[in-house]
Amino acid sequence: MGIGASIFLIALGAIFAFAVDANLGWLNLNVVGWVLMLAGVVGLITTLYFWNSRRRTVVAPPVREQVVAEPVVPAQDDRVVREEYREVRRPGYPA
């Protein structure tokens, strides 16, 4: 049930419980109104709970990048080729 349906049930229940004064004999509209309001409140709380749990994010610690070495490889065909080695460590982990 969404937020809109929950608010609708709460409003409809309030109308039945407080504004309607009808005597149907076999159906008490005050009780129906209170039941609808209770169902609306439960639906609203449930919807908000699931929306909150869906929006939680896990934040990972930042990654630190460090160039460890840049060895020069011997020239090949009059070109110098460089290789780069990067070591990536998360903060707090042993070196």
Protein backbone atom coordinates (compact mmCIF):
# COMPACT_ATOMS: atom_id res chain seq x y z
CA MET A 1 0.00 0.00 0.00
CA GLY A 2 1.36 3.40 -0.86
CA ILE A 3 1.31 6.70 0.98
CA GLY A 4 -1.66 7.97 -1.03
CA ALA A 5 -3.81 4.91 -0.31
CA SER A 6 -2.92 5.08 3.39
CA ILE A 7 -3.91 8.74 3.64
CA PHE A 8 -7.13 7.97 1.74
CA LEU A 9 -8.02 5.21 4.23
CA ILE A 10 -7.28 7.50 7.17
CA ALA A 11 -9.46 10.26 5.72
CA LEU A 12 -12.30 7.89 4.82
CA GLY A 13 -12.16 6.33 8.27
CA ALA A 14 -12.27 9.75 9.92
CA ILE A 15 -15.33 10.65 7.87
CA PHE A 16 -17.10 7.43 8.87
CA ALA A 17 -16.08 7.72 12.54
CA PHE A 18 -16.76 11.42 13.14
CA ALA A 19 -18.96 12.89 10.40
CA VAL A 20 -21.50 10.27 9.40
CA ASP A 21 -24.42 9.71 11.73
CA ALA A 22 -26.40 6.91 10.15
CA ASN A 23 -28.10 3.98 11.78
CA LEU A 24 -27.88 0.87 9.63
CA GLY A 25 -28.75 -1.53 12.44
CA TRP A 26 -26.43 -4.34 11.45
CA LEU A 27 -23.37 -2.13 10.69
CA ASN A 28 -21.81 0.36 13.07
CA LEU A 29 -20.14 3.04 10.90
CA ASN A 30 -18.12 4.36 13.85
CA VAL A 31 -16.35 1.01 14.19
CA VAL A 32 -15.84 0.81 10.43
CA GLY A 33 -14.27 4.27 10.52
CA TRP A 34 -11.87 3.36 13.33
CA VAL A 35 -10.87 0.14 11.55
CA LEU A 36 -10.18 2.06 8.31
CA MET A 37 -8.11 4.66 10.17
CA LEU A 38 -6.10 1.92 11.89
CA ALA A 39 -5.49 0.15 8.57
CA GLY A 40 -4.37 3.46 7.03
CA VAL A 41 -1.93 4.19 9.86
CA VAL A 42 -0.47 0.67 9.69
CA GLY A 43 -0.12 0.96 5.91
CA LEU A 44 1.55 4.37 6.21
CA ILE A 45 4.04 3.15 8.82
CA THR A 46 4.84 0.05 6.76
CA THR A 47 5.33 2.08 3.58
CA LEU A 48 7.62 4.59 5.30
CA TYR A 49 9.64 1.78 6.88
CA PHE A 50 10.26 0.09 3.54
CA TRP A 51 11.08 3.39 1.84
CA ASN A 52 13.65 4.16 4.55
CA SER A 53 15.29 0.74 4.33
CA ARG A 54 15.54 1.08 0.55
CA ARG A 55 17.34 4.41 0.73
CA ARG A 56 20.13 3.30 3.02
CA THR A 57 23.52 3.31 1.33
CA VAL A 58 26.77 1.81 2.46
CA VAL A 59 29.64 4.25 2.18
CA ALA A 60 32.97 2.60 1.48
CA PRO A 61 36.13 4.27 2.74
CA PRO A 62 38.03 6.26 0.13
CA VAL A 63 40.64 4.43 -1.92
CA ARG A 64 44.19 5.76 -1.84
CA GLU A 65 46.21 5.33 -5.01
CA GLN A 66 50.00 5.44 -4.90
CA VAL A 67 52.54 4.95 -7.68
CA VAL A 68 55.10 2.49 -6.31
CA ALA A 69 57.63 2.27 -9.10
CA GLU A 70 58.16 3.38 -12.66
CA PRO A 71 60.87 1.15 -14.07
CA VAL A 72 62.24 2.05 -17.49
CA VAL A 73 62.29 -0.84 -19.92
CA PRO A 74 65.16 -0.94 -22.43
CA ALA A 75 64.52 0.84 -25.69
CA GLN A 76 62.86 -1.09 -28.46
CA ASP A 77 63.05 0.30 -31.99
CA ASP A 78 64.24 3.70 -30.71
CA ARG A 79 61.26 3.96 -28.35
CA VAL A 80 61.32 4.03 -24.60
CA VAL A 81 58.54 1.95 -23.10
CA ARG A 82 57.47 2.73 -19.55
CA GLU A 83 55.58 0.35 -17.35
CA GLU A 84 53.68 1.63 -14.41
CA TYR A 85 52.73 -0.33 -11.34
CA ARG A 86 50.00 1.01 -9.08
CA GLU A 87 49.22 -0.32 -5.68
CA VAL A 88 45.79 0.50 -4.34
CA ARG A 89 45.13 0.18 -0.62
CA ARG A 90 42.16 1.07 1.51
CA PRO A 91 42.90 3.21 4.56
CA GLY A 92 43.22 1.21 7.74
CA TYR A 93 44.52 -1.95 6.10
CA PRO A 94 48.07 -3.05 6.86
CA ALA A 95 50.76 -2.09 4.40
